[in-house]
Amino acid sequence: MADRNPNDPDKRQRGGWLARIAPGVRKIVARRDTPDNLWVKDPDTGDMIWRPDLEAALWVTPSGRHMRIGASQRLKVTFDDGAYEPLELPEVPEDPLKFSDGKPYRDRLAQARKAQGMRDAMGGGFGRIQGVEAVVLVQDFHFMGGSLGMAAGEAFVAAARDAVRRGVPFVCFTAAGGARMQEGALSLMQMARTTLAIQELKAAKLPYLVVLTDPTTGGVTASYAMLGDVHLAEPGALIGFAGPRVIEQTIREKLPPGFQRSEYLAEKGMVDKVVPRAELPETLARLLSMLMDARSAA
């Protein structure tokens, strides 16, 4: 008996036994593509979590890991009923240095915008947090590592000034890997510009609250992330200037367990309170209400 050749051109043309006995049936019974994102792996335990359950838990795993979420989702879970007025964030010159690191900066920006559906790393809105009006700005780590560039700096300044114009508190959720290297010294200038915007809030006697999320590092930590009236942090968030690996290589010593995590910083007094994600709106509302009442009394 001759061996069957799976590459027989006649067999490929016939299309298999199902197509031969019932043309059209093959389309009906063809395997349907199953979405590959219905299950999410817990980074701590390796367990697979049903995505709808994870979304209902605000992307907090059963092990307690607070997974990173985007700006639009953060705004929805922060404001009452997810309703808010999006902020008009200013546009800035693109690629002023004509930078390329093997790939033009313009191409990297276009790729990030297509993937994330936003102009840059900041998203903001005005609304109510359990009844308390506030301007909220969110740094999205998914957009080029939440890096601080001109667009992010301009967004911070615009949001702070919008809070001053409205006479409401300003809340910033931070998440960044540092300054945007493709913009060189122009990105570093944003540290000073955001600091000046915070001074405008202080001059207007308006509260400025910071919520540190994973990760908050680099020039962001060295500027507006640590200049709030109150500093909250999500559990387990990495917070620092240089990363643990860089510090260990520099000092040639092993860092203590939990170093640069939010709980460690709360113990050392750099963070006022570690707050689980589900409790953040209530905590923010309570603090903002208390601070605004104190402002009115003064």
Protein backbone atom coordinates (compact mmCIF):
# COMPACT_ATOMS: atom_id res chain seq x y z
CA MET A 1 0.00 0.00 0.00
CA ALA A 2 1.44 3.32 -1.05
CA ASP A 3 2.23 5.83 1.67
CA ARG A 4 -0.12 8.77 1.87
CA ASN A 5 1.50 12.04 1.03
CA PRO A 6 0.02 14.93 3.05
CA ASN A 7 1.54 17.34 0.56
CA ASP A 8 -0.19 15.74 -2.42
CA PRO A 9 -1.38 18.69 -4.56
CA ASP A 10 -4.49 16.77 -5.58
CA LYS A 11 -5.41 16.29 -1.94
CA ARG A 12 -4.82 19.97 -1.16
CA GLN A 13 -7.08 20.91 -4.05
CA ARG A 14 -9.82 18.58 -2.89
CA GLY A 15 -9.68 20.29 0.54
CA GLY A 16 -10.23 17.17 2.71
CA TRP A 17 -13.11 14.77 3.29
CA LEU A 18 -15.46 17.33 4.90
CA ALA A 19 -15.31 19.67 1.94
CA ARG A 20 -15.85 16.76 -0.45
CA ILE A 21 -19.00 15.34 1.15
CA ALA A 22 -20.70 18.63 2.00
CA PRO A 23 -19.41 21.85 0.44
CA GLY A 24 -20.16 24.77 2.75
CA VAL A 25 -20.33 22.67 5.92
CA ARG A 26 -16.67 23.36 6.55
CA LYS A 27 -17.40 27.08 7.03
CA ILE A 28 -20.15 26.32 9.50
CA VAL A 29 -18.15 23.97 11.70
CA ALA A 30 -14.80 25.73 11.36
CA ARG A 31 -13.07 26.38 14.66
CA ARG A 32 -13.87 29.86 15.92
CA ASP A 33 -11.07 31.98 17.24
CA THR A 34 -11.17 32.24 21.02
CA PRO A 35 -10.08 35.57 22.49
CA ASP A 36 -6.66 35.14 24.05
CA ASN A 37 -7.30 37.66 26.85
CA LEU A 38 -10.11 35.95 28.74
CA TRP A 39 -7.63 34.75 31.35
CA VAL A 40 -4.98 36.81 33.13
CA LYS A 41 -2.03 35.30 34.97
CA ASP A 42 -1.47 36.38 38.57
CA PRO A 43 2.16 37.64 38.66
CA ASP A 44 2.57 36.44 42.25
CA THR A 45 1.00 32.98 42.27
CA GLY A 46 0.90 32.05 38.61
CA ASP A 47 -2.83 31.27 38.89
CA MET A 48 -5.06 32.07 35.94
CA ILE A 49 -7.83 34.57 36.76
CA TRP A 50 -11.05 34.96 34.78
CA ARG A 51 -10.78 38.42 33.27
CA PRO A 52 -14.36 39.59 34.11
CA ASP A 53 -13.71 38.67 37.76
CA LEU A 54 -10.46 40.63 37.73
CA GLU A 55 -12.17 43.65 36.20
CA ALA A 56 -14.91 43.48 38.85
CA ALA A 57 -12.15 43.47 41.49
CA LEU A 58 -10.64 46.66 39.94
CA TRP A 59 -7.67 44.64 38.69
CA VAL A 60 -6.62 43.52 42.17
CA THR A 61 -5.72 39.83 42.18
CA PRO A 62 -6.76 37.39 44.95
CA SER A 63 -3.15 37.49 46.14
CA GLY A 64 -3.50 41.25 46.68
CA ARG A 65 -1.40 42.42 43.73
CA HIS A 66 -2.62 45.79 42.47
CA MET A 67 -2.09 45.44 38.74
CA ARG A 68 -1.46 48.51 36.60
CA ILE A 69 -4.49 50.14 35.03
CA GLY A 70 -4.77 52.82 32.35
CA ALA A 71 -5.76 56.44 32.68
CA SER A 72 -9.32 56.09 31.36
CA GLN A 73 -10.09 53.18 33.67
CA ARG A 74 -8.55 54.99 36.65
CA LEU A 75 -10.70 58.06 36.03
CA LYS A 76 -13.85 55.94 35.78
CA VAL A 77 -13.26 54.13 39.06
CA THR A 78 -12.32 57.37 40.84
CA PHE A 79 -15.21 59.64 39.86
CA ASP A 80 -18.81 59.06 40.97
CA ASP A 81 -20.59 56.70 38.55
CA GLY A 82 -17.57 56.99 36.26
CA ALA A 83 -18.84 60.38 35.06
CA TYR A 84 -16.42 63.23 34.46
CA GLU A 85 -15.60 66.09 32.12
CA PRO A 86 -12.38 65.34 30.20
CA LEU A 87 -9.70 67.98 30.49
CA GLU A 88 -8.49 69.80 27.39
CA LEU A 89 -4.78 69.04 27.49
CA PRO A 90 -2.49 71.24 25.37
CA GLU A 91 -0.49 69.95 22.43
CA VAL A 92 3.27 70.43 22.28
CA PRO A 93 5.90 70.30 19.52
CA GLU A 94 6.68 66.72 18.56
CA ASP A 95 10.21 65.38 18.33
CA PRO A 96 11.93 68.78 18.78
CA LEU A 97 15.36 67.11 18.86
CA LYS A 98 14.75 64.88 15.81
CA PHE A 99 15.78 61.99 18.03
CA SER A 100 16.37 58.42 16.93
CA ASP A 101 17.58 55.47 18.96
CA GLY A 102 17.47 53.07 16.05
CA LYS A 103 13.85 54.03 15.54
CA PRO A 104 12.65 57.62 15.04
CA TYR A 105 10.94 59.15 18.05
CA ARG A 106 7.99 60.16 15.86
CA ASP A 107 7.44 56.50 14.99
CA ARG A 108 7.56 55.49 18.65
CA LEU A 109 4.99 58.16 19.49
CA ALA A 110 2.72 57.03 16.67
CA GLN A 111 3.00 53.42 17.81
CA ALA A 112 2.18 54.29 21.43
CA ARG A 113 -0.78 56.45 20.41
CA LYS A 114 -2.21 53.70 18.25
CA ALA A 115 -1.79 51.10 20.98
CA GLN A 116 -3.15 53.20 23.87
CA GLY A 117 -5.64 55.49 22.14
CA MET A 118 -4.31 58.63 23.82
CA ARG A 119 -2.05 61.51 22.80
CA ASP A 120 0.50 61.04 25.56
CA ALA A 121 1.03 59.65 29.04
CA MET A 122 -1.47 61.90 30.87
CA GLY A 123 -5.25 61.75 31.06
CA GLY A 124 -7.39 64.03 33.18
CA GLY A 125 -10.89 64.99 34.14
CA PHE A 126 -13.08 67.15 36.34
CA GLY A 127 -15.88 65.61 38.36
CA ARG A 128 -17.01 64.53 41.80
CA ILE A 129 -15.35 62.04 44.11
CA GLN A 130 -18.15 60.91 46.44
CA GLY A 131 -19.68 64.33 46.08
CA VAL A 132 -16.48 66.38 46.37
CA GLU A 133 -15.51 68.29 43.23
CA ALA A 134 -11.92 67.80 42.09
CA VAL A 135 -9.59 67.86 39.09
CA VAL A 136 -7.84 64.52 38.65
CA LEU A 137 -4.78 63.84 36.51
CA VAL A 138 -3.61 60.28 35.82
CA GLN A 139 -0.22 59.21 34.53
CA ASP A 140 -0.54 56.11 32.36
CA PHE A 141 2.44 53.76 32.57
CA HIS A 142 1.27 51.90 29.48
CA PHE A 143 2.19 54.92 27.33
CA MET A 144 5.97 54.76 26.90
CA GLY A 145 6.45 53.84 30.55
CA GLY A 146 4.56 56.92 31.73
CA SER A 147 7.71 58.88 30.93
CA LEU A 148 7.76 62.57 31.76
CA GLY A 149 8.14 64.68 28.63
CA MET A 150 6.90 68.03 27.44
CA ALA A 151 3.36 66.80 26.83
CA ALA A 152 3.10 65.29 30.32
CA GLY A 153 4.55 68.43 31.89
CA GLU A 154 2.16 70.68 29.97
CA ALA A 155 -0.74 68.44 30.98
CA PHE A 156 0.20 68.74 34.65
CA VAL A 157 0.48 72.53 34.46
CA ALA A 158 -2.83 72.82 32.58
CA ALA A 159 -4.63 70.54 35.06
CA ALA A 160 -3.27 72.42 38.07
CA ARG A 161 -4.32 75.76 36.59
CA ASP A 162 -7.74 74.35 35.77
CA ALA A 163 -8.12 73.40 39.44
CA VAL A 164 -7.15 76.96 40.43
CA ARG A 165 -9.64 78.42 37.94
CA ARG A 166 -12.44 76.24 39.28
CA GLY A 167 -11.38 76.66 42.92
CA VAL A 168 -11.27 72.89 43.53
CA PRO A 169 -8.63 70.43 44.82
CA PHE A 170 -6.13 68.73 42.53
CA VAL A 171 -5.38 65.00 42.68
CA CYS A 172 -2.57 63.35 40.72
CA PHE A 173 -2.10 59.59 40.26
CA THR A 174 1.56 59.01 39.42
CA ALA A 175 3.14 56.13 37.49
CA ALA A 176 6.41 56.58 35.62
CA GLY A 177 9.74 55.08 34.81
CA GLY A 178 11.40 58.50 34.70
CA ALA A 179 12.00 61.31 32.23
CA ARG A 180 11.58 60.74 28.49
CA MET A 181 15.09 60.36 27.13
CA GLN A 182 14.01 61.18 23.55
CA GLU A 183 13.40 64.78 24.66
CA GLY A 184 16.67 65.26 26.53
CA ALA A 185 16.94 68.37 28.71
CA LEU A 186 13.45 69.47 27.62
CA SER A 187 12.00 66.58 29.63
CA LEU A 188 14.08 67.49 32.70
CA MET A 189 12.72 71.04 32.56
CA GLN A 190 9.28 69.64 33.35
CA MET A 191 10.40 68.90 36.90
CA ALA A 192 10.76 72.63 37.53
CA ARG A 193 7.64 73.60 35.59
CA THR A 194 5.39 71.17 37.50
CA THR A 195 6.87 72.38 40.78
CA LEU A 196 5.93 75.96 39.89
CA ALA A 197 2.39 74.83 39.03
CA ILE A 198 2.12 73.31 42.52
CA GLN A 199 3.14 76.68 43.97
CA GLU A 200 0.17 78.22 42.15
CA LEU A 201 -2.10 75.72 43.91
CA LYS A 202 -0.56 76.58 47.26
CA ALA A 203 -0.98 80.31 46.59
CA ALA A 204 -4.67 79.66 45.96
CA LYS A 205 -4.78 77.57 49.17
CA LEU A 206 -6.09 74.55 47.28
CA PRO A 207 -5.26 70.98 48.35
CA TYR A 208 -2.89 68.92 46.21
CA LEU A 209 -3.06 65.18 46.86
CA VAL A 210 -0.81 62.53 45.31
CA VAL A 211 -1.63 58.85 44.88
CA LEU A 212 1.55 56.90 44.17
CA THR A 213 0.96 53.83 42.04
CA ASP A 214 3.28 51.15 40.69
CA PRO A 215 5.85 52.22 39.64
CA THR A 216 6.67 55.83 40.50
CA THR A 217 10.36 56.44 39.88
CA GLY A 218 12.92 58.84 38.43
CA GLY A 219 12.33 62.54 37.92
CA VAL A 220 8.64 62.22 38.72
CA THR A 221 9.54 61.11 42.26
CA ALA A 222 12.04 63.96 42.42
CA SER A 223 9.34 66.52 41.63
CA TYR A 224 5.54 66.56 41.76
CA ALA A 225 5.11 63.04 43.13
CA MET A 226 6.60 64.06 46.48
CA LEU A 227 5.26 67.61 46.79
CA GLY A 228 1.67 66.84 47.79
CA ASP A 229 -0.12 67.95 50.92
CA VAL A 230 -0.93 64.27 51.48
CA HIS A 231 0.73 61.24 49.91
CA LEU A 232 -1.29 58.05 49.50
CA ALA A 233 0.00 54.89 47.87
CA GLU A 234 -1.46 51.67 46.56
CA PRO A 235 -0.24 48.46 48.24
CA GLY A 236 3.01 47.06 46.92
CA ALA A 237 3.82 50.02 44.67
CA LEU A 238 7.48 50.55 43.76
CA ILE A 239 8.41 54.11 44.71
CA GLY A 240 11.87 55.63 44.46
CA PHE A 241 14.32 57.62 42.38
CA ALA A 242 16.70 54.91 41.15
CA GLY A 243 15.56 51.30 40.94
CA PRO A 244 16.58 48.65 43.50
CA ARG A 245 18.91 46.90 41.05
CA VAL A 246 20.81 50.13 40.32
CA ILE A 247 21.15 50.91 44.03
CA GLU A 248 22.42 47.42 44.85
CA GLN A 249 25.00 47.63 42.08
CA THR A 250 26.11 51.04 43.34
CA ILE A 251 26.43 50.30 47.05
CA ARG A 252 27.33 46.62 46.51
CA GLU A 253 24.96 45.54 49.26
CA LYS A 254 21.67 43.66 49.38
CA LEU A 255 18.72 45.91 50.10
CA PRO A 256 16.32 45.08 52.96
CA PRO A 257 13.11 43.17 52.10
CA GLY A 258 10.36 45.41 50.75
CA PHE A 259 12.76 48.32 50.19
CA GLN A 260 11.13 51.09 48.09
CA ARG A 261 7.71 49.49 48.35
CA SER A 262 4.81 51.60 49.59
CA GLU A 263 4.52 49.80 52.95
CA TYR A 264 8.22 50.34 53.66
CA LEU A 265 7.96 54.04 52.78
CA ALA A 266 4.88 54.45 54.96
CA GLU A 267 6.82 52.95 57.84
CA LYS A 268 9.64 55.43 57.22
CA GLY A 269 7.29 58.42 56.93
CA MET A 270 7.61 59.15 53.20
CA VAL A 271 4.05 57.97 52.53
CA ASP A 272 1.16 59.03 54.74
CA LYS A 273 -1.08 56.03 54.15
CA VAL A 274 -1.23 52.87 52.05
CA VAL A 275 -4.77 52.53 50.70
CA PRO A 276 -6.25 49.59 48.75
CA ARG A 277 -7.65 50.59 45.36
CA ALA A 278 -11.27 49.93 46.29
CA GLU A 279 -10.99 52.33 49.24
CA LEU A 280 -9.27 55.18 47.41
CA PRO A 281 -12.38 57.18 46.39
CA GLU A 282 -13.72 57.21 49.94
CA THR A 283 -10.30 58.11 51.40
CA LEU A 284 -9.74 60.86 48.85
CA ALA A 285 -13.20 62.31 49.40
CA ARG A 286 -12.72 62.37 53.15
CA LEU A 287 -9.33 64.09 52.92
CA LEU A 288 -10.42 66.59 50.26
CA SER A 289 -13.55 67.49 52.19
CA MET A 290 -11.57 68.02 55.40
CA LEU A 291 -8.91 70.14 53.66
CA MET A 292 -11.47 72.26 51.82
CA ASP A 293 -13.42 72.82 55.06
CA ALA A 294 -10.19 73.99 56.72
CA ARG A 295 -9.59 76.33 53.77
CA SER A 296 -13.08 77.82 54.13
CA ALA A 297 -12.64 78.27 57.87
CA ALA A 298 -9.30 80.05 57.33
